[in-house]
Amino acid sequence: MEVEGLGEGKDFKLYPGGGRPWDWNETGTRHAPGIQPADVAELLEHGSKVIVLSRGMDLALLTCPETLDLLQERGVEVLIEETKAAVERYNALTETTAVGGLFHSTC
């Protein structure tokens, strides 16, 4: 993937005003059980009101139920998509919404 201002990489964590490569090793993330609450914490800290979660190109990346519970408790809308669809959704939302996203470019 290529992200404006961040260059090329495999996975990205984007939020209002910025972003960075997403290093799964920081939180021990694996395809299963998937995206953890710690993975979305930085997006919430940067004011994301909507969060787009990419499942990868083959939909291999899951999302922990605890992550969805946390986002629901915070009143954050969650959109879970295949990567290409997630990128399109994220890009469209950046025009009008404080959106964050986790993007997994492979499997």
C-alpha atoms as a PDB file:
ATOM      1  CA  MET A   1       0.000   0.000   0.000  1.00  0.00           C
ATOM      2  CA  GLU A   2       1.048   3.589  -0.487  1.00  0.00           C
ATOM      3  CA  VAL A   3      -0.216   6.296   1.850  1.00  0.00           C
ATOM      4  CA  GLU A   4       0.270   9.966   1.056  1.00  0.00           C
ATOM      5  CA  GLY A   5       2.852  11.409   3.419  1.00  0.00           C
ATOM      6  CA  LEU A   6       3.812   8.001   4.827  1.00  0.00           C
ATOM      7  CA  GLY A   7       5.117   6.165   1.775  1.00  0.00           C
ATOM      8  CA  GLU A   8       4.787   2.466   1.043  1.00  0.00           C
ATOM      9  CA  GLY A   9       4.164  -0.306   3.543  1.00  0.00           C
ATOM     10  CA  LYS A  10       2.243  -3.471   4.318  1.00  0.00           C
ATOM     11  CA  ASP A  11      -0.123  -2.304   7.066  1.00  0.00           C
ATOM     12  CA  PHE A  12      -1.153   1.167   8.222  1.00  0.00           C
ATOM     13  CA  LYS A  13      -2.847   2.844  11.153  1.00  0.00           C
ATOM     14  CA  LEU A  14      -4.476   6.125  10.060  1.00  0.00           C
ATOM     15  CA  TYR A  15      -6.333   8.717  12.117  1.00  0.00           C
ATOM     16  CA  PRO A  16      -7.468  12.339  11.867  1.00  0.00           C
ATOM     17  CA  GLY A  17      -4.369  14.405  11.210  1.00  0.00           C
ATOM     18  CA  GLY A  18      -1.909  11.593  10.588  1.00  0.00           C
ATOM     19  CA  GLY A  19      -0.941   7.996  10.724  1.00  0.00           C
ATOM     20  CA  ARG A  20       1.910   5.528  10.741  1.00  0.00           C
ATOM     21  CA  PRO A  21       2.784   1.970   9.773  1.00  0.00           C
ATOM     22  CA  TRP A  22       0.818  -0.569  11.803  1.00  0.00           C
ATOM     23  CA  ASP A  23       3.204  -2.975  13.550  1.00  0.00           C
ATOM     24  CA  TRP A  24       1.206  -5.963  14.765  1.00  0.00           C
ATOM     25  CA  ASN A  25       4.038  -6.930  17.113  1.00  0.00           C
ATOM     26  CA  GLU A  26       3.295  -3.889  19.309  1.00  0.00           C
ATOM     27  CA  THR A  27       0.121  -5.564  20.593  1.00  0.00           C
ATOM     28  CA  GLY A  28       0.662  -9.186  19.600  1.00  0.00           C
ATOM     29  CA  THR A  29      -2.015  -9.022  16.909  1.00  0.00           C
ATOM     30  CA  ARG A  30      -2.503 -12.113  14.745  1.00  0.00           C
ATOM     31  CA  HIS A  31      -5.103 -13.000  12.117  1.00  0.00           C
ATOM     32  CA  ALA A  32      -7.069 -14.791  14.846  1.00  0.00           C
ATOM     33  CA  PRO A  33      -8.390 -13.615  17.212  1.00  0.00           C
ATOM     34  CA  GLY A  34      -7.681 -10.467  15.215  1.00  0.00           C
ATOM     35  CA  ILE A  35      -7.765  -6.723  15.815  1.00  0.00           C
ATOM     36  CA  GLN A  36      -7.538  -6.045  19.546  1.00  0.00           C
ATOM     37  CA  PRO A  37      -8.709  -3.116  21.669  1.00  0.00           C
ATOM     38  CA  ALA A  38      -5.083  -1.958  21.970  1.00  0.00           C
ATOM     39  CA  ASP A  39      -4.904  -1.705  18.170  1.00  0.00           C
ATOM     40  CA  VAL A  40      -7.717   0.874  18.032  1.00  0.00           C
ATOM     41  CA  ALA A  41      -6.714   2.841  21.166  1.00  0.00           C
ATOM     42  CA  GLU A  42      -4.476   5.211  19.198  1.00  0.00           C
ATOM     43  CA  LEU A  43      -7.286   5.898  16.730  1.00  0.00           C
ATOM     44  CA  LEU A  44      -9.591   6.847  19.608  1.00  0.00           C
ATOM     45  CA  GLU A  45      -6.892   9.023  21.202  1.00  0.00           C
ATOM     46  CA  HIS A  46      -6.701  11.000  17.949  1.00  0.00           C
ATOM     47  CA  GLY A  47     -10.446  11.670  17.894  1.00  0.00           C
ATOM     48  CA  SER A  48     -11.765   9.093  15.412  1.00  0.00           C
ATOM     49  CA  LYS A  49     -15.575   9.102  15.401  1.00  0.00           C
ATOM     50  CA  VAL A  50     -15.791   6.434  12.690  1.00  0.00           C
ATOM     51  CA  ILE A  51     -13.285   3.600  12.345  1.00  0.00           C
ATOM     52  CA  VAL A  52     -12.726   1.532   9.223  1.00  0.00           C
ATOM     53  CA  LEU A  53     -11.212  -1.905   9.849  1.00  0.00           C
ATOM     54  CA  SER A  54      -9.708  -3.746   6.913  1.00  0.00           C
ATOM     55  CA  ARG A  55      -9.835  -7.552   6.964  1.00  0.00           C
ATOM     56  CA  GLY A  56      -7.153  -8.028   4.317  1.00  0.00           C
ATOM     57  CA  MET A  57      -7.475  -8.984   0.678  1.00  0.00           C
ATOM     58  CA  ASP A  58      -8.614 -12.539   1.475  1.00  0.00           C
ATOM     59  CA  LEU A  59     -10.649 -11.542   4.565  1.00  0.00           C
ATOM     60  CA  ALA A  60      -8.253 -13.451   6.850  1.00  0.00           C
ATOM     61  CA  LEU A  61      -7.976 -10.801   9.580  1.00  0.00           C
ATOM     62  CA  LEU A  62     -10.650 -11.072  12.253  1.00  0.00           C
ATOM     63  CA  THR A  63     -11.726  -8.539  14.885  1.00  0.00           C
ATOM     64  CA  CYS A  64     -11.920  -9.486  18.574  1.00  0.00           C
ATOM     65  CA  PRO A  65     -15.400  -9.114  20.075  1.00  0.00           C
ATOM     66  CA  GLU A  66     -13.834  -7.005  22.851  1.00  0.00           C
ATOM     67  CA  THR A  67     -12.711  -4.489  20.236  1.00  0.00           C
ATOM     68  CA  LEU A  68     -16.211  -4.127  18.870  1.00  0.00           C
ATOM     69  CA  ASP A  69     -17.574  -3.823  22.420  1.00  0.00           C
ATOM     70  CA  LEU A  70     -15.093  -1.025  23.211  1.00  0.00           C
ATOM     71  CA  LEU A  71     -15.977   0.915  20.076  1.00  0.00           C
ATOM     72  CA  GLN A  72     -19.690   0.513  20.711  1.00  0.00           C
ATOM     73  CA  GLU A  73     -19.239   1.732  24.314  1.00  0.00           C
ATOM     74  CA  ARG A  74     -17.436   4.818  22.967  1.00  0.00           C
ATOM     75  CA  GLY A  75     -20.179   5.490  20.424  1.00  0.00           C
ATOM     76  CA  VAL A  76     -17.825   4.979  17.486  1.00  0.00           C
ATOM     77  CA  GLU A  77     -19.254   3.721  14.213  1.00  0.00           C
ATOM     78  CA  VAL A  78     -17.324   0.705  12.875  1.00  0.00           C
ATOM     79  CA  LEU A  79     -17.075  -0.375   9.251  1.00  0.00           C
ATOM     80  CA  ILE A  80     -15.394  -3.711   8.515  1.00  0.00           C
ATOM     81  CA  GLU A  81     -14.438  -4.312   4.883  1.00  0.00           C
ATOM     82  CA  GLU A  82     -12.085  -6.138   2.531  1.00  0.00           C
ATOM     83  CA  THR A  83      -9.000  -3.955   2.068  1.00  0.00           C
ATOM     84  CA  LYS A  84      -9.812  -2.325  -1.281  1.00  0.00           C
ATOM     85  CA  ALA A  85     -13.347  -1.532  -0.143  1.00  0.00           C
ATOM     86  CA  ALA A  86     -12.015  -0.280   3.211  1.00  0.00           C
ATOM     87  CA  VAL A  87      -9.611   2.100   1.468  1.00  0.00           C
ATOM     88  CA  GLU A  88     -12.402   3.486  -0.724  1.00  0.00           C
ATOM     89  CA  ARG A  89     -14.686   3.939   2.271  1.00  0.00           C
ATOM     90  CA  TYR A  90     -11.949   5.583   4.345  1.00  0.00           C
ATOM     91  CA  ASN A  91     -10.964   7.988   1.556  1.00  0.00           C
ATOM     92  CA  ALA A  92     -14.577   9.035   1.028  1.00  0.00           C
ATOM     93  CA  LEU A  93     -15.131   9.597   4.751  1.00  0.00           C
ATOM     94  CA  THR A  94     -12.045  11.772   5.216  1.00  0.00           C
ATOM     95  CA  GLU A  95     -13.876  14.548   3.364  1.00  0.00           C
ATOM     96  CA  THR A  96     -16.556  14.914   6.045  1.00  0.00           C
ATOM     97  CA  THR A  97     -15.750  12.819   9.113  1.00  0.00           C
ATOM     98  CA  ALA A  98     -13.114  12.339  11.818  1.00  0.00           C
ATOM     99  CA  VAL A  99     -12.231   8.879  10.560  1.00  0.00           C
ATOM    100  CA  GLY A 100      -9.554   6.415  11.583  1.00  0.00           C
ATOM    101  CA  GLY A 101      -8.590   3.128  10.036  1.00  0.00           C
ATOM    102  CA  LEU A 102      -6.519   0.003  10.324  1.00  0.00           C
ATOM    103  CA  PHE A 103      -5.422  -1.358   6.963  1.00  0.00           C
ATOM    104  CA  HIS A 104      -4.002  -4.828   6.341  1.00  0.00           C
ATOM    105  CA  SER A 105      -2.805  -5.104   2.761  1.00  0.00           C
ATOM    106  CA  THR A 106      -2.213  -8.834   2.429  1.00  0.00           C
ATOM    107  CA  CYS A 107      -4.234 -11.977   3.240  1.00  0.00           C
END
